[in-house]
PDB file of N, CA and C in Angstrom:
ATOM      1  N   MET A   1     124.428 -14.640 117.359  1.00  0.00           N
ATOM      2  CA  MET A   1     123.860 -16.087 116.737  1.00  0.00           C
ATOM      3  C   MET A   1     122.393 -15.321 117.109  1.00  0.00           C
ATOM      4  N   SER A   2     121.470 -16.172 115.647  1.00  0.00           N
ATOM      5  CA  SER A   2     120.558 -15.461 115.593  1.00  0.00           C
ATOM      6  C   SER A   2     119.663 -16.725 116.266  1.00  0.00           C
ATOM      7  N   ASN A   3     118.286 -16.288 116.660  1.00  0.00           N
ATOM      8  CA  ASN A   3     117.687 -16.991 117.376  1.00  0.00           C
ATOM      9  C   ASN A   3     115.943 -17.071 116.174  1.00  0.00           C
ATOM     10  N   GLY A   4     115.995 -16.312 115.725  1.00  0.00           N
ATOM     11  CA  GLY A   4     114.741 -16.491 114.484  1.00  0.00           C
ATOM     12  C   GLY A   4     114.493 -15.154 114.772  1.00  0.00           C
ATOM     13  N   LYS A   5     114.757 -14.389 115.513  1.00  0.00           N
ATOM     14  CA  LYS A   5     114.051 -13.130 115.568  1.00  0.00           C
ATOM     15  C   LYS A   5     114.484 -12.169 115.059  1.00  0.00           C
ATOM     16  N   PRO A   6     114.208 -11.118 113.921  1.00  0.00           N
ATOM     17  CA  PRO A   6     114.953  -9.928 113.520  1.00  0.00           C
ATOM     18  C   PRO A   6     115.444  -9.160 114.111  1.00  0.00           C
ATOM     19  N   GLU A   7     116.874  -8.848 113.988  1.00  0.00           N
ATOM     20  CA  GLU A   7     117.765  -7.534 114.978  1.00  0.00           C
ATOM     21  C   GLU A   7     116.640  -6.143 115.176  1.00  0.00           C
ATOM     22  N   ARG A   8     117.007  -6.127 116.125  1.00  0.00           N
ATOM     23  CA  ARG A   8     115.828  -5.009 116.400  1.00  0.00           C
ATOM     24  C   ARG A   8     117.228  -3.268 116.091  1.00  0.00           C
ATOM     25  N   GLN A   9     116.661  -2.424 115.325  1.00  0.00           N
ATOM     26  CA  GLN A   9     117.883  -1.367 114.816  1.00  0.00           C
ATOM     27  C   GLN A   9     117.724  -0.309 115.629  1.00  0.00           C
ATOM     28  N   VAL A  10     119.226  -0.082 115.523  1.00  0.00           N
ATOM     29  CA  VAL A  10     119.361   1.237 116.329  1.00  0.00           C
ATOM     30  C   VAL A  10     119.101   3.194 115.536  1.00  0.00           C
ATOM     31  N   ALA A  11     118.052   3.557 115.863  1.00  0.00           N
ATOM     32  CA  ALA A  11     118.079   5.311 115.490  1.00  0.00           C
ATOM     33  C   ALA A  11     119.174   5.520 115.589  1.00  0.00           C
ATOM     34  N   ALA A  12     119.668   6.135 114.326  1.00  0.00           N
ATOM     35  CA  ALA A  12     120.268   6.635 114.308  1.00  0.00           C
ATOM     36  C   ALA A  12     120.328   8.392 114.925  1.00  0.00           C
ATOM     37  N   PHE A  13     118.420   8.836 114.883  1.00  0.00           N
ATOM     38  CA  PHE A  13     118.725  10.163 115.492  1.00  0.00           C
ATOM     39  C   PHE A  13     117.441   9.496 116.397  1.00  0.00           C
ATOM     40  N   SER A  14     116.950  10.670 117.580  1.00  0.00           N
ATOM     41  CA  SER A  14     116.785  10.708 118.892  1.00  0.00           C
ATOM     42  C   SER A  14     115.600  11.776 118.883  1.00  0.00           C
ATOM     43  N   ILE A  15     114.796  11.498 119.829  1.00  0.00           N
ATOM     44  CA  ILE A  15     113.459  12.855 120.219  1.00  0.00           C
ATOM     45  C   ILE A  15     114.221  13.574 120.813  1.00  0.00           C
ATOM     46  N   GLY A  16     113.774  15.007 120.348  1.00  0.00           N
ATOM     47  CA  GLY A  16     114.354  16.321 120.046  1.00  0.00           C
ATOM     48  C   GLY A  16     115.529  16.368 119.468  1.00  0.00           C
ATOM     49  N   GLN A  17     115.545  15.774 118.309  1.00  0.00           N
ATOM     50  CA  GLN A  17     117.268  15.983 117.569  1.00  0.00           C
ATOM     51  C   GLN A  17     116.373  17.014 116.621  1.00  0.00           C
ATOM     52  N   ILE A  18     117.061  17.981 116.062  1.00  0.00           N
ATOM     53  CA  ILE A  18     116.419  19.114 115.145  1.00  0.00           C
ATOM     54  C   ILE A  18     117.285  18.376 114.195  1.00  0.00           C
ATOM     55  N   VAL A  19     116.453  17.847 112.790  1.00  0.00           N
ATOM     56  CA  VAL A  19     117.101  17.280 111.508  1.00  0.00           C
ATOM     57  C   VAL A  19     116.474  17.990 110.276  1.00  0.00           C
ATOM     58  N   HIS A  20     117.866  17.645 108.974  1.00  0.00           N
ATOM     59  CA  HIS A  20     117.282  17.818 108.218  1.00  0.00           C
ATOM     60  C   HIS A  20     116.806  17.344 106.969  1.00  0.00           C
ATOM     61  N   HIS A  21     115.897  16.910 105.455  1.00  0.00           N
ATOM     62  CA  HIS A  21     115.559  16.383 104.692  1.00  0.00           C
ATOM     63  C   HIS A  21     116.384  16.183 103.649  1.00  0.00           C
ATOM     64  N   ARG A  22     117.033  15.695 103.524  1.00  0.00           N
ATOM     65  CA  ARG A  22     117.844  15.333 102.065  1.00  0.00           C
ATOM     66  C   ARG A  22     117.140  15.509 100.735  1.00  0.00           C
ATOM     67  N   LEU A  23     116.399  15.276 100.877  1.00  0.00           N
ATOM     68  CA  LEU A  23     115.506  15.340  99.259  1.00  0.00           C
ATOM     69  C   LEU A  23     114.724  16.671  99.782  1.00  0.00           C
ATOM     70  N   PHE A  24     113.789  16.709 100.129  1.00  0.00           N
ATOM     71  CA  PHE A  24     112.861  18.084 100.380  1.00  0.00           C
ATOM     72  C   PHE A  24     113.548  19.586 101.046  1.00  0.00           C
ATOM     73  N   ASP A  25     114.325  19.238 101.440  1.00  0.00           N
ATOM     74  CA  ASP A  25     115.384  20.477 102.333  1.00  0.00           C
ATOM     75  C   ASP A  25     114.488  21.295 103.383  1.00  0.00           C
ATOM     76  N   TYR A  26     114.021  20.473 104.271  1.00  0.00           N
ATOM     77  CA  TYR A  26     112.962  21.170 105.193  1.00  0.00           C
ATOM     78  C   TYR A  26     114.124  20.784 106.593  1.00  0.00           C
ATOM     79  N   ARG A  27     113.734  21.583 107.496  1.00  0.00           N
ATOM     80  CA  ARG A  27     114.267  21.073 108.650  1.00  0.00           C
ATOM     81  C   ARG A  27     112.672  20.924 109.453  1.00  0.00           C
ATOM     82  N   GLY A  28     113.271  20.106 111.381  1.00  0.00           N
ATOM     83  CA  GLY A  28     112.126  19.775 112.012  1.00  0.00           C
ATOM     84  C   GLY A  28     112.832  19.351 112.745  1.00  0.00           C
ATOM     85  N   VAL A  29     112.224  19.020 113.852  1.00  0.00           N
ATOM     86  CA  VAL A  29     112.591  18.558 114.956  1.00  0.00           C
ATOM     87  C   VAL A  29     111.763  16.844 115.329  1.00  0.00           C
ATOM     88  N   ILE A  30     112.331  16.039 115.749  1.00  0.00           N
ATOM     89  CA  ILE A  30     111.044  14.377 115.835  1.00  0.00           C
ATOM     90  C   ILE A  30     111.598  14.271 117.522  1.00  0.00           C
ATOM     91  N   TYR A  31     109.806  14.415 117.396  1.00  0.00           N
ATOM     92  CA  TYR A  31     109.100  14.185 118.438  1.00  0.00           C
ATOM     93  C   TYR A  31     108.170  12.362 118.462  1.00  0.00           C
ATOM     94  N   ASP A  32     108.647  11.547 117.889  1.00  0.00           N
ATOM     95  CA  ASP A  32     108.398  10.280 118.286  1.00  0.00           C
ATOM     96  C   ASP A  32     109.533   9.343 116.956  1.00  0.00           C
ATOM     97  N   VAL A  33     109.452   8.189 117.398  1.00  0.00           N
ATOM     98  CA  VAL A  33     110.879   7.556 116.403  1.00  0.00           C
ATOM     99  C   VAL A  33     109.760   5.600 116.859  1.00  0.00           C
ATOM    100  N   ASP A  34     109.771   5.444 114.971  1.00  0.00           N
ATOM    101  CA  ASP A  34     109.197   3.937 115.494  1.00  0.00           C
ATOM    102  C   ASP A  34     110.377   2.702 114.540  1.00  0.00           C
ATOM    103  N   PRO A  35     110.821   2.021 115.305  1.00  0.00           N
ATOM    104  CA  PRO A  35     112.121   1.104 114.944  1.00  0.00           C
ATOM    105  C   PRO A  35     111.932   0.727 113.750  1.00  0.00           C
ATOM    106  N   ALA A  36     110.771   0.535 112.977  1.00  0.00           N
ATOM    107  CA  ALA A  36     110.502   0.198 111.258  1.00  0.00           C
ATOM    108  C   ALA A  36     109.398   1.109 111.465  1.00  0.00           C
ATOM    109  N   PHE A  37     109.424   0.966 109.554  1.00  0.00           N
ATOM    110  CA  PHE A  37     107.757   1.460 109.066  1.00  0.00           C
ATOM    111  C   PHE A  37     106.689   1.051 109.999  1.00  0.00           C
ATOM    112  N   ALA A  38     105.709   1.839 110.669  1.00  0.00           N
ATOM    113  CA  ALA A  38     104.511   1.530 110.974  1.00  0.00           C
ATOM    114  C   ALA A  38     103.236   2.027 110.411  1.00  0.00           C
ATOM    115  N   GLY A  39     103.003   2.223 109.314  1.00  0.00           N
ATOM    116  CA  GLY A  39     102.284   2.589 108.603  1.00  0.00           C
ATOM    117  C   GLY A  39     101.389   1.707 107.735  1.00  0.00           C
ATOM    118  N   THR A  40     100.618   2.262 107.164  1.00  0.00           N
ATOM    119  CA  THR A  40      99.793   0.404 106.175  1.00  0.00           C
ATOM    120  C   THR A  40     100.723   0.521 104.917  1.00  0.00           C
ATOM    121  N   GLU A  41     100.778  -0.532 104.596  1.00  0.00           N
ATOM    122  CA  GLU A  41     101.146  -0.205 103.240  1.00  0.00           C
ATOM    123  C   GLU A  41     100.452   0.485 101.605  1.00  0.00           C
ATOM    124  N   GLU A  42      98.965   0.996 101.910  1.00  0.00           N
ATOM    125  CA  GLU A  42      98.627   2.283 101.351  1.00  0.00           C
ATOM    126  C   GLU A  42      99.816   3.217 101.440  1.00  0.00           C
ATOM    127  N   TRP A  43     100.404   4.052 102.495  1.00  0.00           N
ATOM    128  CA  TRP A  43     100.346   4.848 103.019  1.00  0.00           C
ATOM    129  C   TRP A  43     101.883   4.776 101.896  1.00  0.00           C
ATOM    130  N   TYR A  44     102.594   4.054 102.621  1.00  0.00           N
ATOM    131  CA  TYR A  44     103.591   3.606 102.335  1.00  0.00           C
ATOM    132  C   TYR A  44     103.615   3.821 100.299  1.00  0.00           C
ATOM    133  N   GLU A  45     102.969   3.352  99.031  1.00  0.00           N
ATOM    134  CA  GLU A  45     102.835   3.224  98.875  1.00  0.00           C
ATOM    135  C   GLU A  45     102.825   4.593  97.707  1.00  0.00           C
ATOM    136  N   GLN A  46     101.482   5.623  98.332  1.00  0.00           N
ATOM    137  CA  GLN A  46     101.385   6.275  98.011  1.00  0.00           C
ATOM    138  C   GLN A  46     102.423   7.909  98.475  1.00  0.00           C
ATOM    139  N   HIS A  47     103.185   7.251  99.225  1.00  0.00           N
ATOM    140  CA  HIS A  47     104.115   8.134  99.654  1.00  0.00           C
ATOM    141  C   HIS A  47     105.513   8.667 100.072  1.00  0.00           C
ATOM    142  N   SER A  48     105.729   6.943 100.007  1.00  0.00           N
ATOM    143  CA  SER A  48     107.828   6.515  99.719  1.00  0.00           C
ATOM    144  C   SER A  48     107.955   6.385  98.729  1.00  0.00           C
ATOM    145  N   LYS A  49     107.994   7.480  97.740  1.00  0.00           N
ATOM    146  CA  LYS A  49     108.411   7.667  96.563  1.00  0.00           C
ATOM    147  C   LYS A  49     110.129   6.867  96.235  1.00  0.00           C
ATOM    148  N   THR A  50     110.918   6.860  97.609  1.00  0.00           N
ATOM    149  CA  THR A  50     111.872   6.459  97.137  1.00  0.00           C
ATOM    150  C   THR A  50     112.483   5.036  97.465  1.00  0.00           C
ATOM    151  N   ARG A  51     110.614   4.655  98.247  1.00  0.00           N
ATOM    152  CA  ARG A  51     110.460   2.810  98.879  1.00  0.00           C
ATOM    153  C   ARG A  51     112.094   2.737  99.951  1.00  0.00           C
ATOM    154  N   SER A  52     112.040   3.758 100.246  1.00  0.00           N
ATOM    155  CA  SER A  52     112.724   3.028 101.714  1.00  0.00           C
ATOM    156  C   SER A  52     112.843   2.207 102.473  1.00  0.00           C
ATOM    157  N   PRO A  53     113.373   1.868 102.811  1.00  0.00           N
ATOM    158  CA  PRO A  53     112.902  -0.175 103.585  1.00  0.00           C
ATOM    159  C   PRO A  53     112.196   0.511 104.724  1.00  0.00           C
ATOM    160  N   LYS A  54     111.379  -0.384 104.955  1.00  0.00           N
ATOM    161  CA  LYS A  54     110.391  -0.466 106.130  1.00  0.00           C
ATOM    162  C   LYS A  54     111.567  -1.438 107.669  1.00  0.00           C
ATOM    163  N   ASP A  55     113.035  -2.428 107.523  1.00  0.00           N
ATOM    164  CA  ASP A  55     112.746  -2.505 108.541  1.00  0.00           C
ATOM    165  C   ASP A  55     113.861  -1.576 108.930  1.00  0.00           C
ATOM    166  N   ARG A  56     113.621  -0.369 108.923  1.00  0.00           N
ATOM    167  CA  ARG A  56     114.808   0.595 109.059  1.00  0.00           C
ATOM    168  C   ARG A  56     113.811   1.703 110.031  1.00  0.00           C
ATOM    169  N   PRO A  57     114.783   2.662 111.278  1.00  0.00           N
ATOM    170  CA  PRO A  57     114.198   3.391 111.786  1.00  0.00           C
ATOM    171  C   PRO A  57     112.925   4.386 110.877  1.00  0.00           C
ATOM    172  N   TRP A  58     111.759   4.994 111.190  1.00  0.00           N
ATOM    173  CA  TRP A  58     110.842   5.593 110.575  1.00  0.00           C
ATOM    174  C   TRP A  58     110.766   6.452 111.764  1.00  0.00           C
ATOM    175  N   TYR A  59     110.811   7.844 111.025  1.00  0.00           N
ATOM    176  CA  TYR A  59     110.838   9.347 112.135  1.00  0.00           C
ATOM    177  C   TYR A  59     109.390  10.327 111.954  1.00  0.00           C
ATOM    178  N   HIS A  60     108.454  10.840 113.272  1.00  0.00           N
ATOM    179  CA  HIS A  60     108.176  11.542 113.058  1.00  0.00           C
ATOM    180  C   HIS A  60     108.379  12.783 113.539  1.00  0.00           C
ATOM    181  N   VAL A  61     107.551  13.734 112.589  1.00  0.00           N
ATOM    182  CA  VAL A  61     108.364  15.341 112.330  1.00  0.00           C
ATOM    183  C   VAL A  61     108.255  16.454 112.796  1.00  0.00           C
ATOM    184  N   LEU A  62     108.249  17.244 113.015  1.00  0.00           N
ATOM    185  CA  LEU A  62     107.494  18.794 113.681  1.00  0.00           C
ATOM    186  C   LEU A  62     107.516  18.939 112.135  1.00  0.00           C
ATOM    187  N   VAL A  63     107.965  19.764 111.248  1.00  0.00           N
ATOM    188  CA  VAL A  63     108.541  21.140 109.802  1.00  0.00           C
ATOM    189  C   VAL A  63     108.123  22.529 110.505  1.00  0.00           C
ATOM    190  N   HIS A  64     109.928  22.685 110.458  1.00  0.00           N
ATOM    191  CA  HIS A  64     109.916  24.313 111.030  1.00  0.00           C
ATOM    192  C   HIS A  64     109.058  25.039 110.057  1.00  0.00           C
ATOM    193  N   ASP A  65     108.537  25.873 110.650  1.00  0.00           N
ATOM    194  CA  ASP A  65     107.977  27.048 109.979  1.00  0.00           C
ATOM    195  C   ASP A  65     106.978  26.743 109.605  1.00  0.00           C
ATOM    196  N   THR A  66     106.067  25.328 109.561  1.00  0.00           N
ATOM    197  CA  THR A  66     104.824  24.844 109.308  1.00  0.00           C
ATOM    198  C   THR A  66     104.224  24.944 110.193  1.00  0.00           C
ATOM    199  N   VAL A  67     102.830  24.331 109.517  1.00  0.00           N
ATOM    200  CA  VAL A  67     102.309  23.460 110.469  1.00  0.00           C
ATOM    201  C   VAL A  67     101.679  21.962 110.400  1.00  0.00           C
ATOM    202  N   SER A  68     102.811  22.227 109.861  1.00  0.00           N
ATOM    203  CA  SER A  68     103.249  20.410 109.019  1.00  0.00           C
ATOM    204  C   SER A  68     103.393  19.355 110.516  1.00  0.00           C
ATOM    205  N   THR A  69     103.600  17.523 109.954  1.00  0.00           N
ATOM    206  CA  THR A  69     104.602  17.111 110.098  1.00  0.00           C
ATOM    207  C   THR A  69     104.420  15.837 109.403  1.00  0.00           C
ATOM    208  N   THR A  70     105.198  15.373 109.307  1.00  0.00           N
ATOM    209  CA  THR A  70     106.080  14.615 108.405  1.00  0.00           C
ATOM    210  C   THR A  70     105.871  12.590 108.994  1.00  0.00           C
ATOM    211  N   TYR A  71     106.328  11.875 107.989  1.00  0.00           N
ATOM    212  CA  TYR A  71     106.447  11.255 108.945  1.00  0.00           C
ATOM    213  C   TYR A  71     107.841  10.225 107.609  1.00  0.00           C
ATOM    214  N   VAL A  72     108.763  10.164 108.322  1.00  0.00           N
ATOM    215  CA  VAL A  72     110.486   9.617 107.562  1.00  0.00           C
ATOM    216  C   VAL A  72     111.386   9.189 107.842  1.00  0.00           C
ATOM    217  N   ALA A  73     111.365   8.480 106.365  1.00  0.00           N
ATOM    218  CA  ALA A  73     112.656   7.248 106.933  1.00  0.00           C
ATOM    219  C   ALA A  73     113.954   7.923 107.200  1.00  0.00           C
ATOM    220  N   GLU A  74     114.284   6.541 107.804  1.00  0.00           N
ATOM    221  CA  GLU A  74     116.428   7.027 108.174  1.00  0.00           C
ATOM    222  C   GLU A  74     117.125   7.934 106.989  1.00  0.00           C
ATOM    223  N   ARG A  75     117.467   7.312 105.636  1.00  0.00           N
ATOM    224  CA  ARG A  75     117.907   7.385 105.134  1.00  0.00           C
ATOM    225  C   ARG A  75     117.627   8.559 104.891  1.00  0.00           C
ATOM    226  N   ASN A  76     116.709   9.247 104.441  1.00  0.00           N
ATOM    227  CA  ASN A  76     115.744  10.584 104.021  1.00  0.00           C
ATOM    228  C   ASN A  76     116.636  11.573 105.002  1.00  0.00           C
ATOM    229  N   LEU A  77     117.088  11.338 106.358  1.00  0.00           N
ATOM    230  CA  LEU A  77     117.428  12.790 107.640  1.00  0.00           C
ATOM    231  C   LEU A  77     118.818  12.420 107.327  1.00  0.00           C
ATOM    232  N   GLU A  78     119.249  13.748 107.866  1.00  0.00           N
ATOM    233  CA  GLU A  78     120.409  13.998 108.468  1.00  0.00           C
ATOM    234  C   GLU A  78     120.538  15.597 108.945  1.00  0.00           C
ATOM    235  N   PRO A  79     121.811  15.453 110.280  1.00  0.00           N
ATOM    236  CA  PRO A  79     121.445  16.169 111.031  1.00  0.00           C
ATOM    237  C   PRO A  79     121.478  17.453 110.334  1.00  0.00           C
ATOM    238  N   ASP A  80     120.773  18.700 111.599  1.00  0.00           N
ATOM    239  CA  ASP A  80     120.612  19.963 111.158  1.00  0.00           C
ATOM    240  C   ASP A  80     122.214  20.453 111.954  1.00  0.00           C
ATOM    241  N   ASP A  81     122.351  21.178 111.238  1.00  0.00           N
ATOM    242  CA  ASP A  81     124.103  21.929 112.026  1.00  0.00           C
ATOM    243  C   ASP A  81     123.082  23.803 112.015  1.00  0.00           C
ATOM    244  N   THR A  82     122.363  24.478 111.855  1.00  0.00           N
ATOM    245  CA  THR A  82     122.250  25.349 111.549  1.00  0.00           C
ATOM    246  C   THR A  82     121.988  26.183 112.957  1.00  0.00           C
ATOM    247  N   ASP A  83     121.817  25.484 114.460  1.00  0.00           N
ATOM    248  CA  ASP A  83     121.568  26.174 115.795  1.00  0.00           C
ATOM    249  C   ASP A  83     120.528  26.822 115.991  1.00  0.00           C
ATOM    250  N   GLU A  84     119.849  26.520 115.100  1.00  0.00           N
ATOM    251  CA  GLU A  84     118.332  27.374 115.080  1.00  0.00           C
ATOM    252  C   GLU A  84     117.598  26.792 115.723  1.00  0.00           C
ATOM    253  N   PRO A  85     116.578  27.911 116.098  1.00  0.00           N
ATOM    254  CA  PRO A  85     115.362  26.746 116.628  1.00  0.00           C
ATOM    255  C   PRO A  85     114.456  25.964 116.048  1.00  0.00           C
ATOM    256  N   VAL A  86     113.373  25.501 116.171  1.00  0.00           N
ATOM    257  CA  VAL A  86     112.775  25.127 115.034  1.00  0.00           C
ATOM    258  C   VAL A  86     110.908  25.456 115.633  1.00  0.00           C
ATOM    259  N   ARG A  87     110.278  26.099 115.353  1.00  0.00           N
ATOM    260  CA  ARG A  87     108.741  26.833 115.035  1.00  0.00           C
ATOM    261  C   ARG A  87     108.052  26.494 114.432  1.00  0.00           C
ATOM    262  N   HIS A  88     107.097  25.487 115.807  1.00  0.00           N
ATOM    263  CA  HIS A  88     106.259  25.289 115.143  1.00  0.00           C
ATOM    264  C   HIS A  88     105.157  25.083 115.974  1.00  0.00           C
ATOM    265  N   PRO A  89     103.753  25.294 115.544  1.00  0.00           N
ATOM    266  CA  PRO A  89     102.536  25.781 116.824  1.00  0.00           C
ATOM    267  C   PRO A  89     102.088  23.748 117.885  1.00  0.00           C
ATOM    268  N   LEU A  90     102.780  23.255 117.331  1.00  0.00           N
ATOM    269  CA  LEU A  90     102.559  22.033 118.193  1.00  0.00           C
ATOM    270  C   LEU A  90     103.637  22.014 119.541  1.00  0.00           C
ATOM    271  N   LEU A  91     104.687  22.320 118.842  1.00  0.00           N
ATOM    272  CA  LEU A  91     106.598  22.224 119.854  1.00  0.00           C
ATOM    273  C   LEU A  91     106.293  22.070 120.728  1.00  0.00           C
ATOM    274  N   ASP A  92     105.424  23.547 121.458  1.00  0.00           N
ATOM    275  CA  ASP A  92     105.680  23.805 123.500  1.00  0.00           C
ATOM    276  C   ASP A  92     104.617  22.081 123.603  1.00  0.00           C
ATOM    277  N   GLN A  93     104.308  21.586 122.600  1.00  0.00           N
ATOM    278  CA  GLN A  93     103.084  20.251 123.283  1.00  0.00           C
ATOM    279  C   GLN A  93     103.383  19.044 123.807  1.00  0.00           C
ATOM    280  N   VAL A  94     104.623  18.788 122.799  1.00  0.00           N
ATOM    281  CA  VAL A  94     105.055  17.625 122.608  1.00  0.00           C
ATOM    282  C   VAL A  94     106.555  18.020 123.144  1.00  0.00           C
ATOM    283  N   LEU A  95     107.675  18.695 122.989  1.00  0.00           N
ATOM    284  CA  LEU A  95     108.550  19.009 123.467  1.00  0.00           C
ATOM    285  C   LEU A  95     109.489  20.686 123.937  1.00  0.00           C
ATOM    286  N   GLU A  96     110.349  20.412 124.943  1.00  0.00           N
ATOM    287  CA  GLU A  96     110.732  21.411 125.343  1.00  0.00           C
ATOM    288  C   GLU A  96     112.478  22.166 124.678  1.00  0.00           C
ATOM    289  N   ARG A  97     112.810  22.709 124.623  1.00  0.00           N
ATOM    290  CA  ARG A  97     113.784  23.311 124.359  1.00  0.00           C
ATOM    291  C   ARG A  97     115.227  23.484 125.343  1.00  0.00           C
ATOM    292  N   ALA A  98     116.355  22.347 124.910  1.00  0.00           N
ATOM    293  CA  ALA A  98     116.932  22.355 126.162  1.00  0.00           C
ATOM    294  C   ALA A  98     118.317  22.677 125.955  1.00  0.00           C
ATOM    295  N   GLN A  99     119.571  22.750 126.554  1.00  0.00           N
ATOM    296  CA  GLN A  99     121.095  23.473 126.229  1.00  0.00           C
ATOM    297  C   GLN A  99     121.829  22.761 124.889  1.00  0.00           C
ATOM    298  N   GLY A 100     122.250  22.998 124.231  1.00  0.00           N
ATOM    299  CA  GLY A 100     122.954  22.901 123.036  1.00  0.00           C
ATOM    300  C   GLY A 100     121.673  22.294 122.218  1.00  0.00           C
ATOM    301  N   GLY A 101     120.848  23.316 121.733  1.00  0.00           N
ATOM    302  CA  GLY A 101     120.020  22.824 120.312  1.00  0.00           C
ATOM    303  C   GLY A 101     119.344  21.871 120.665  1.00  0.00           C
ATOM    304  N   HIS A 102     118.952  21.268 121.310  1.00  0.00           N
ATOM    305  CA  HIS A 102     118.194  19.955 121.553  1.00  0.00           C
ATOM    306  C   HIS A 102     117.144  20.208 121.989  1.00  0.00           C
ATOM    307  N   TYR A 103     115.932  19.175 121.766  1.00  0.00           N
ATOM    308  CA  TYR A 103     114.601  19.533 122.860  1.00  0.00           C
ATOM    309  C   TYR A 103     114.518  18.242 123.631  1.00  0.00           C
ATOM    310  N   THR A 104     113.944  18.315 124.612  1.00  0.00           N
ATOM    311  CA  THR A 104     113.409  17.045 125.171  1.00  0.00           C
ATOM    312  C   THR A 104     111.787  16.446 124.990  1.00  0.00           C
ATOM    313  N   SER A 105     111.292  15.541 125.692  1.00  0.00           N
ATOM    314  CA  SER A 105     110.318  15.384 125.287  1.00  0.00           C
ATOM    315  C   SER A 105     109.703  15.701 126.419  1.00  0.00           C
ATOM    316  N   ARG A 106     107.910  16.493 126.674  1.00  0.00           N
ATOM    317  CA  ARG A 106     107.468  16.813 127.785  1.00  0.00           C
ATOM    318  C   ARG A 106     106.644  15.405 128.484  1.00  0.00           C
ATOM    319  N   ASP A 107     106.756  14.491 127.550  1.00  0.00           N
ATOM    320  CA  ASP A 107     106.449  13.340 128.549  1.00  0.00           C
ATOM    321  C   ASP A 107     107.712  12.358 128.940  1.00  0.00           C
ATOM    322  N   ARG A 108     107.532  12.568 129.932  1.00  0.00           N
ATOM    323  CA  ARG A 108     108.685  11.694 130.928  1.00  0.00           C
ATOM    324  C   ARG A 108     108.554   9.828 130.709  1.00  0.00           C
ATOM    325  N   ALA A 109     107.783   9.397 130.394  1.00  0.00           N
ATOM    326  CA  ALA A 109     108.206   7.991 130.316  1.00  0.00           C
ATOM    327  C   ALA A 109     108.078   7.890 129.240  1.00  0.00           C
ATOM    328  N   ASN A 110     108.933   8.667 128.647  1.00  0.00           N
ATOM    329  CA  ASN A 110     109.350   7.414 126.994  1.00  0.00           C
ATOM    330  C   ASN A 110     111.190   8.092 127.277  1.00  0.00           C
TER     331      ASN A 110
END
């Protein structure tokens, strides 16, 4: 039964999960999740070439072997199955390596 509020989307991926970008073929680790697009309309117009849905989760990703971070729509990601760690200069500031190829947030409040 609908109460007039939009349904909350369940994220397919979680903070600390290593992912692969389907279109741009890079690996990275998720360090934050937005339940829906939280950028500006200008950013969306410039960067979302695929016009990914704004009402689905979007992810902040530390890109492996770069100094880059990205903001990625859920539909462009898939689980990474390489079992290789991610190397990024900010990684140790926001995440720590856990068992099973996953990372956990250093900010225990999340």
